[in-house]
């Protein structure tokens, strides 16, 4: 959210608090009560969207990096062991397909790195019965498969969170526009309560304050209908 939007939300929160304190007074007028209900519903939606828009992708990125490290370490270790098997069998092609370092895998983009590990897994699977002396067991392959499946699931997670966060952020201006329209109506109806503590507190709450500089906003951020 922009600072201007944050200031607007702060003002709406103050107005909403005033409505809660003086509920017994405004409930006496059905039209005003209806608009308070509209405003309250919109403000709750905005508060939820604002919360959802604060999605942090750091955790998902860290999870992916951790999964990659475990996967690439195991793949490189197994590849090195089986590359000796390939030399013993005089199979240079197999040697070259399996011999790769963890660093080389880490320097690849996500999709090619996963494809490389998948190829290694597919090469090892039919040979498992011959790899006992090289320290490669079925349990090792099962672990490799579990790690590559985990990595596969995490590859798109940070991007998905960014897309989700963007969607929430794009909703905020729409809700603010609807809240401004509701406030326009409330500003026009508040003179029903002129001379009361409720009317005064409402007008005071409607002033938008700069949360950074603590300065009152210019004319465009003042109430749509100026208090008399």
C-alpha atoms as a PDB file:
ATOM      1  CA  UNK A   1       0.000   0.000   0.000  1.00  0.00           C
ATOM      2  CA  UNK A   2       1.084   3.574  -0.655  1.00  0.00           C
ATOM      3  CA  UNK A   3       1.494   6.001   2.248  1.00  0.00           C
ATOM      4  CA  UNK A   4      -1.603   7.868   1.088  1.00  0.00           C
ATOM      5  CA  UNK A   5      -3.615   4.632   1.197  1.00  0.00           C
ATOM      6  CA  UNK A   6      -2.235   3.845   4.651  1.00  0.00           C
ATOM      7  CA  UNK A   7      -3.342   7.288   5.849  1.00  0.00           C
ATOM      8  CA  UNK A   8      -6.817   6.733   4.400  1.00  0.00           C
ATOM      9  CA  UNK A   9      -7.135   3.348   6.130  1.00  0.00           C
ATOM     10  CA  UNK A  10      -6.079   4.936   9.432  1.00  0.00           C
ATOM     11  CA  UNK A  11      -8.825   7.528   9.037  1.00  0.00           C
ATOM     12  CA  UNK A  12     -11.397   4.818   8.257  1.00  0.00           C
ATOM     13  CA  UNK A  13     -10.356   2.936  11.376  1.00  0.00           C
ATOM     14  CA  UNK A  14     -10.902   6.070  13.469  1.00  0.00           C
ATOM     15  CA  UNK A  15     -14.356   6.595  11.912  1.00  0.00           C
ATOM     16  CA  UNK A  16     -15.256   2.952  12.524  1.00  0.00           C
ATOM     17  CA  UNK A  17     -14.251   3.315  16.170  1.00  0.00           C
ATOM     18  CA  UNK A  18     -16.546   6.326  16.493  1.00  0.00           C
ATOM     19  CA  UNK A  19     -19.450   4.324  15.081  1.00  0.00           C
ATOM     20  CA  UNK A  20     -18.829   1.588  17.633  1.00  0.00           C
ATOM     21  CA  UNK A  21     -18.795   4.047  20.538  1.00  0.00           C
ATOM     22  CA  UNK A  22     -21.999   5.840  19.505  1.00  0.00           C
ATOM     23  CA  UNK A  23     -24.024   2.934  18.146  1.00  0.00           C
ATOM     24  CA  UNK A  24     -26.997   3.705  20.376  1.00  0.00           C
ATOM     25  CA  UNK A  25     -27.300   7.161  18.778  1.00  0.00           C
ATOM     26  CA  UNK A  26     -27.052   6.461  15.036  1.00  0.00           C
ATOM     27  CA  UNK A  27     -29.219   3.339  15.186  1.00  0.00           C
ATOM     28  CA  UNK A  28     -32.205   5.628  15.613  1.00  0.00           C
ATOM     29  CA  UNK A  29     -31.999   6.631  11.932  1.00  0.00           C
ATOM     30  CA  UNK A  30     -32.549   3.757   9.486  1.00  0.00           C
ATOM     31  CA  UNK A  31     -30.828   5.376   6.500  1.00  0.00           C
ATOM     32  CA  UNK A  32     -27.773   6.306   8.519  1.00  0.00           C
ATOM     33  CA  UNK A  33     -27.733   2.829  10.069  1.00  0.00           C
ATOM     34  CA  UNK A  34     -27.799   1.291   6.581  1.00  0.00           C
ATOM     35  CA  UNK A  35     -24.827   3.353   5.444  1.00  0.00           C
ATOM     36  CA  UNK A  36     -22.844   2.559   8.586  1.00  0.00           C
ATOM     37  CA  UNK A  37     -23.424  -1.103   7.819  1.00  0.00           C
ATOM     38  CA  UNK A  38     -22.162  -0.614   4.250  1.00  0.00           C
ATOM     39  CA  UNK A  39     -19.117   1.282   5.492  1.00  0.00           C
ATOM     40  CA  UNK A  40     -18.366  -1.324   8.157  1.00  0.00           C
ATOM     41  CA  UNK A  41     -18.571  -4.181   5.686  1.00  0.00           C
ATOM     42  CA  UNK A  42     -16.255  -2.439   3.228  1.00  0.00           C
ATOM     43  CA  UNK A  43     -13.787  -1.584   5.978  1.00  0.00           C
ATOM     44  CA  UNK A  44     -13.663  -5.204   7.149  1.00  0.00           C
ATOM     45  CA  UNK A  45     -12.971  -6.314   3.571  1.00  0.00           C
ATOM     46  CA  UNK A  46     -10.208  -3.729   3.247  1.00  0.00           C
ATOM     47  CA  UNK A  47      -8.626  -4.764   6.540  1.00  0.00           C
ATOM     48  CA  UNK A  48      -8.580  -8.408   5.416  1.00  0.00           C
ATOM     49  CA  UNK A  49      -7.173  -7.609   1.979  1.00  0.00           C
ATOM     50  CA  UNK A  50      -4.559  -5.340   3.569  1.00  0.00           C
ATOM     51  CA  UNK A  51      -3.528  -8.222   5.813  1.00  0.00           C
ATOM     52  CA  UNK A  52      -3.430 -10.652   2.878  1.00  0.00           C
ATOM     53  CA  UNK A  53      -1.372  -8.198   0.818  1.00  0.00           C
ATOM     54  CA  UNK A  54       1.428  -8.453   3.387  1.00  0.00           C
ATOM     55  CA  UNK A  55       2.305 -11.968   2.191  1.00  0.00           C
ATOM     56  CA  UNK A  56       6.023 -12.542   2.662  1.00  0.00           C
ATOM     57  CA  UNK A  57       7.828 -14.787   0.190  1.00  0.00           C
ATOM     58  CA  UNK A  58      11.042 -15.074   2.198  1.00  0.00           C
ATOM     59  CA  UNK A  59       9.995 -18.265   3.961  1.00  0.00           C
ATOM     60  CA  UNK A  60       9.015 -20.004   0.729  1.00  0.00           C
ATOM     61  CA  UNK A  61      12.291 -18.953  -0.883  1.00  0.00           C
ATOM     62  CA  UNK A  62      14.275 -20.274   2.069  1.00  0.00           C
ATOM     63  CA  UNK A  63      12.336 -23.557   2.006  1.00  0.00           C
ATOM     64  CA  UNK A  64      13.110 -23.984  -1.694  1.00  0.00           C
ATOM     65  CA  UNK A  65      16.793 -23.230  -1.175  1.00  0.00           C
ATOM     66  CA  UNK A  66      16.993 -25.728   1.684  1.00  0.00           C
ATOM     67  CA  UNK A  67      15.289 -28.438  -0.381  1.00  0.00           C
ATOM     68  CA  UNK A  68      17.630 -27.706  -3.293  1.00  0.00           C
ATOM     69  CA  UNK A  69      20.698 -28.027  -1.087  1.00  0.00           C
ATOM     70  CA  UNK A  70      19.626 -31.424   0.263  1.00  0.00           C
ATOM     71  CA  UNK A  71      18.624 -32.683  -3.190  1.00  0.00           C
ATOM     72  CA  UNK A  72      21.746 -31.496  -4.996  1.00  0.00           C
ATOM     73  CA  UNK A  73      24.048 -32.830  -2.276  1.00  0.00           C
ATOM     74  CA  UNK A  74      22.557 -36.314  -2.441  1.00  0.00           C
ATOM     75  CA  UNK A  75      22.408 -36.342  -6.243  1.00  0.00           C
ATOM     76  CA  UNK A  76      26.045 -35.296  -6.536  1.00  0.00           C
ATOM     77  CA  UNK A  77      27.159 -37.873  -3.963  1.00  0.00           C
ATOM     78  CA  UNK A  78      25.313 -40.718  -5.662  1.00  0.00           C
ATOM     79  CA  UNK A  79      26.456 -39.578  -9.083  1.00  0.00           C
ATOM     80  CA  UNK A  80      30.096 -39.633  -8.052  1.00  0.00           C
ATOM     81  CA  UNK A  81      29.799 -43.153  -6.640  1.00  0.00           C
ATOM     82  CA  UNK A  82      28.057 -44.526  -9.706  1.00  0.00           C
ATOM     83  CA  UNK A  83      30.498 -42.744 -12.034  1.00  0.00           C
ATOM     84  CA  UNK A  84      33.090 -45.209 -10.730  1.00  0.00           C
ATOM     85  CA  UNK A  85      30.711 -48.040 -11.648  1.00  0.00           C
ATOM     86  CA  UNK A  86      30.469 -46.526 -15.137  1.00  0.00           C
ATOM     87  CA  UNK A  87      34.267 -46.457 -15.450  1.00  0.00           C
ATOM     88  CA  UNK A  88      34.426 -50.084 -14.324  1.00  0.00           C
ATOM     89  CA  UNK A  89      31.896 -50.927 -17.059  1.00  0.00           C
ATOM     90  CA  UNK A  90      33.768 -48.800 -19.586  1.00  0.00           C
ATOM     91  CA  UNK A  91      30.641 -46.725 -20.129  1.00  0.00           C
ATOM     92  CA  UNK A  92      31.776 -43.137 -20.700  1.00  0.00           C
ATOM     93  CA  UNK A  93      28.312 -41.930 -21.631  1.00  0.00           C
ATOM     94  CA  UNK A  94      26.874 -43.073 -18.293  1.00  0.00           C
ATOM     95  CA  UNK A  95      29.842 -41.545 -16.493  1.00  0.00           C
ATOM     96  CA  UNK A  96      29.263 -38.162 -18.110  1.00  0.00           C
ATOM     97  CA  UNK A  97      25.513 -38.223 -17.423  1.00  0.00           C
ATOM     98  CA  UNK A  98      25.980 -38.981 -13.729  1.00  0.00           C
ATOM     99  CA  UNK A  99      29.129 -37.090 -12.829  1.00  0.00           C
ATOM    100  CA  UNK A 100      28.031 -33.598 -11.723  1.00  0.00           C
ATOM    101  CA  UNK A 101      28.871 -31.460  -8.712  1.00  0.00           C
ATOM    102  CA  UNK A 102      26.493 -29.879  -6.253  1.00  0.00           C
ATOM    103  CA  UNK A 103      27.784 -26.469  -7.336  1.00  0.00           C
ATOM    104  CA  UNK A 104      27.000 -27.175 -10.984  1.00  0.00           C
ATOM    105  CA  UNK A 105      23.443 -28.151 -10.087  1.00  0.00           C
ATOM    106  CA  UNK A 106      23.068 -25.064  -7.884  1.00  0.00           C
ATOM    107  CA  UNK A 107      24.155 -22.805 -10.739  1.00  0.00           C
ATOM    108  CA  UNK A 108      21.420 -24.141 -13.005  1.00  0.00           C
ATOM    109  CA  UNK A 109      17.959 -22.634 -13.188  1.00  0.00           C
ATOM    110  CA  UNK A 110      15.276 -24.512 -11.294  1.00  0.00           C
ATOM    111  CA  UNK A 111      13.723 -26.419 -14.196  1.00  0.00           C
ATOM    112  CA  UNK A 112      16.975 -27.611 -15.847  1.00  0.00           C
ATOM    113  CA  UNK A 113      18.370 -28.628 -12.447  1.00  0.00           C
ATOM    114  CA  UNK A 114      15.279 -30.698 -11.719  1.00  0.00           C
ATOM    115  CA  UNK A 115      15.430 -32.242 -15.194  1.00  0.00           C
ATOM    116  CA  UNK A 116      19.070 -33.201 -14.604  1.00  0.00           C
ATOM    117  CA  UNK A 117      18.252 -34.889 -11.303  1.00  0.00           C
ATOM    118  CA  UNK A 118      15.312 -36.691 -12.898  1.00  0.00           C
ATOM    119  CA  UNK A 119      17.635 -38.017 -15.601  1.00  0.00           C
ATOM    120  CA  UNK A 120      20.130 -39.195 -12.987  1.00  0.00           C
ATOM    121  CA  UNK A 121      17.363 -40.945 -11.066  1.00  0.00           C
ATOM    122  CA  UNK A 122      16.112 -42.676 -14.223  1.00  0.00           C
ATOM    123  CA  UNK A 123      19.651 -43.826 -15.043  1.00  0.00           C
ATOM    124  CA  UNK A 124      20.212 -45.239 -11.553  1.00  0.00           C
ATOM    125  CA  UNK A 125      16.875 -46.999 -11.152  1.00  0.00           C
ATOM    126  CA  UNK A 126      17.494 -49.997 -13.489  1.00  0.00           C
ATOM    127  CA  UNK A 127      21.055 -50.420 -12.157  1.00  0.00           C
ATOM    128  CA  UNK A 128      20.211 -50.553  -8.462  1.00  0.00           C
ATOM    129  CA  UNK A 129      20.843 -54.305  -8.220  1.00  0.00           C
ATOM    130  CA  UNK A 130      24.455 -53.773  -9.295  1.00  0.00           C
ATOM    131  CA  UNK A 131      25.341 -50.777  -7.152  1.00  0.00           C
ATOM    132  CA  UNK A 132      25.613 -52.264  -3.664  1.00  0.00           C
ATOM    133  CA  UNK A 133      29.414 -52.300  -3.731  1.00  0.00           C
ATOM    134  CA  UNK A 134      29.380 -48.623  -4.693  1.00  0.00           C
ATOM    135  CA  UNK A 135      27.320 -47.590  -1.679  1.00  0.00           C
ATOM    136  CA  UNK A 136      24.059 -46.983  -3.531  1.00  0.00           C
ATOM    137  CA  UNK A 137      20.921 -48.682  -2.179  1.00  0.00           C
ATOM    138  CA  UNK A 138      17.217 -48.637  -2.914  1.00  0.00           C
ATOM    139  CA  UNK A 139      16.803 -46.485   0.194  1.00  0.00           C
ATOM    140  CA  UNK A 140      19.147 -43.936  -1.387  1.00  0.00           C
ATOM    141  CA  UNK A 141      17.018 -43.834  -4.529  1.00  0.00           C
ATOM    142  CA  UNK A 142      13.831 -43.558  -2.496  1.00  0.00           C
ATOM    143  CA  UNK A 143      15.332 -40.587  -0.642  1.00  0.00           C
ATOM    144  CA  UNK A 144      16.428 -39.008  -3.926  1.00  0.00           C
ATOM    145  CA  UNK A 145      12.914 -39.338  -5.322  1.00  0.00           C
ATOM    146  CA  UNK A 146      11.348 -37.845  -2.192  1.00  0.00           C
ATOM    147  CA  UNK A 147      13.741 -34.887  -2.294  1.00  0.00           C
ATOM    148  CA  UNK A 148      13.201 -34.184  -5.985  1.00  0.00           C
ATOM    149  CA  UNK A 149       9.415 -34.369  -5.518  1.00  0.00           C
ATOM    150  CA  UNK A 150       9.685 -31.910  -2.625  1.00  0.00           C
ATOM    151  CA  UNK A 151      11.848 -29.567  -4.677  1.00  0.00           C
ATOM    152  CA  UNK A 152       9.470 -29.812  -7.620  1.00  0.00           C
ATOM    153  CA  UNK A 153       6.563 -28.761  -5.401  1.00  0.00           C
ATOM    154  CA  UNK A 154       8.501 -25.787  -4.006  1.00  0.00           C
ATOM    155  CA  UNK A 155       9.864 -24.409  -7.274  1.00  0.00           C
ATOM    156  CA  UNK A 156       6.786 -22.341  -8.112  1.00  0.00           C
ATOM    157  CA  UNK A 157       5.748 -21.479  -4.538  1.00  0.00           C
ATOM    158  CA  UNK A 158       7.556 -18.095  -4.178  1.00  0.00           C
ATOM    159  CA  UNK A 159       6.204 -16.980  -7.567  1.00  0.00           C
ATOM    160  CA  UNK A 160       2.696 -18.115  -6.648  1.00  0.00           C
ATOM    161  CA  UNK A 161       2.849 -16.054  -3.457  1.00  0.00           C
ATOM    162  CA  UNK A 162       3.999 -12.994  -5.405  1.00  0.00           C
ATOM    163  CA  UNK A 163       1.065 -13.381  -7.808  1.00  0.00           C
ATOM    164  CA  UNK A 164      -1.340 -13.801  -4.884  1.00  0.00           C
ATOM    165  CA  UNK A 165       0.056 -10.716  -3.149  1.00  0.00           C
ATOM    166  CA  UNK A 166      -0.254  -8.700  -6.364  1.00  0.00           C
ATOM    167  CA  UNK A 167      -3.896  -9.720  -6.674  1.00  0.00           C
ATOM    168  CA  UNK A 168      -4.663  -8.483  -3.164  1.00  0.00           C
ATOM    169  CA  UNK A 169      -2.827  -5.191  -3.784  1.00  0.00           C
ATOM    170  CA  UNK A 170      -4.859  -4.577  -6.936  1.00  0.00           C
ATOM    171  CA  UNK A 171      -8.092  -4.964  -4.933  1.00  0.00           C
ATOM    172  CA  UNK A 172      -7.190  -2.241  -2.433  1.00  0.00           C
ATOM    173  CA  UNK A 173      -7.844   0.799  -4.700  1.00  0.00           C
ATOM    174  CA  UNK A 174     -11.258  -0.615  -5.642  1.00  0.00           C
ATOM    175  CA  UNK A 175     -12.287  -0.952  -1.997  1.00  0.00           C
ATOM    176  CA  UNK A 176     -10.950   2.502  -1.177  1.00  0.00           C
ATOM    177  CA  UNK A 177     -13.056   3.980  -3.985  1.00  0.00           C
ATOM    178  CA  UNK A 178     -16.165   2.272  -2.567  1.00  0.00           C
ATOM    179  CA  UNK A 179     -15.318   3.493   0.929  1.00  0.00           C
ATOM    180  CA  UNK A 180     -14.962   7.064  -0.361  1.00  0.00           C
ATOM    181  CA  UNK A 181     -18.432   6.832  -1.882  1.00  0.00           C
ATOM    182  CA  UNK A 182     -19.867   5.546   1.387  1.00  0.00           C
ATOM    183  CA  UNK A 183     -18.110   8.310   3.326  1.00  0.00           C
ATOM    184  CA  UNK A 184     -19.566  10.888   0.933  1.00  0.00           C
ATOM    185  CA  UNK A 185     -23.051   9.734   1.954  1.00  0.00           C
ATOM    186  CA  UNK A 186     -22.172   9.621   5.633  1.00  0.00           C
ATOM    187  CA  UNK A 187     -20.667  13.116   5.454  1.00  0.00           C
ATOM    188  CA  UNK A 188     -23.936  14.326   3.919  1.00  0.00           C
ATOM    189  CA  UNK A 189     -26.059  12.679   6.618  1.00  0.00           C
ATOM    190  CA  UNK A 190     -23.978  13.502   9.697  1.00  0.00           C
ATOM    191  CA  UNK A 191     -25.731  16.862  10.133  1.00  0.00           C
ATOM    192  CA  UNK A 192     -28.613  14.797  11.515  1.00  0.00           C
ATOM    193  CA  UNK A 193     -26.482  14.673  14.655  1.00  0.00           C
ATOM    194  CA  UNK A 194     -25.242  18.282  14.703  1.00  0.00           C
ATOM    195  CA  UNK A 195     -24.468  19.574  18.182  1.00  0.00           C
ATOM    196  CA  UNK A 196     -23.923  16.093  19.610  1.00  0.00           C
ATOM    197  CA  UNK A 197     -20.692  14.499  20.824  1.00  0.00           C
ATOM    198  CA  UNK A 198     -21.182  11.863  18.122  1.00  0.00           C
ATOM    199  CA  UNK A 199     -21.344  14.448  15.341  1.00  0.00           C
ATOM    200  CA  UNK A 200     -18.252  16.233  16.616  1.00  0.00           C
ATOM    201  CA  UNK A 201     -16.214  13.056  17.066  1.00  0.00           C
ATOM    202  CA  UNK A 202     -17.189  11.847  13.596  1.00  0.00           C
ATOM    203  CA  UNK A 203     -15.984  15.079  11.989  1.00  0.00           C
ATOM    204  CA  UNK A 204     -12.719  14.916  13.919  1.00  0.00           C
ATOM    205  CA  UNK A 205     -12.178  11.294  12.883  1.00  0.00           C
ATOM    206  CA  UNK A 206     -12.730  12.191   9.228  1.00  0.00           C
ATOM    207  CA  UNK A 207      -9.552  14.292   9.113  1.00  0.00           C
ATOM    208  CA  UNK A 208      -6.792  12.358   7.326  1.00  0.00           C
ATOM    209  CA  UNK A 209      -3.440  12.695   9.059  1.00  0.00           C
ATOM    210  CA  UNK A 210      -0.074  12.063   7.433  1.00  0.00           C
ATOM    211  CA  UNK A 211       1.258   9.099   9.419  1.00  0.00           C
ATOM    212  CA  UNK A 212       4.832   9.951   8.450  1.00  0.00           C
ATOM    213  CA  UNK A 213       4.996  13.699   8.955  1.00  0.00           C
ATOM    214  CA  UNK A 214       1.911  13.983  11.190  1.00  0.00           C
ATOM    215  CA  UNK A 215       0.663  16.674   8.808  1.00  0.00           C
ATOM    216  CA  UNK A 216      -2.944  17.102   7.785  1.00  0.00           C
ATOM    217  CA  UNK A 217      -3.544  16.241   4.144  1.00  0.00           C
ATOM    218  CA  UNK A 218      -4.368  18.843   1.511  1.00  0.00           C
ATOM    219  CA  UNK A 219      -7.864  19.610   0.259  1.00  0.00           C
ATOM    220  CA  UNK A 220      -8.184  16.453  -1.858  1.00  0.00           C
ATOM    221  CA  UNK A 221      -7.993  14.263   1.240  1.00  0.00           C
ATOM    222  CA  UNK A 222     -10.420  16.275   3.342  1.00  0.00           C
ATOM    223  CA  UNK A 223     -14.005  15.069   3.818  1.00  0.00           C
ATOM    224  CA  UNK A 224     -15.970  15.015   0.576  1.00  0.00           C
ATOM    225  CA  UNK A 225     -18.540  17.282   2.228  1.00  0.00           C
ATOM    226  CA  UNK A 226     -16.976  19.823   4.587  1.00  0.00           C
ATOM    227  CA  UNK A 227     -18.479  19.980   8.093  1.00  0.00           C
ATOM    228  CA  UNK A 228     -20.480  23.130   8.629  1.00  0.00           C
END
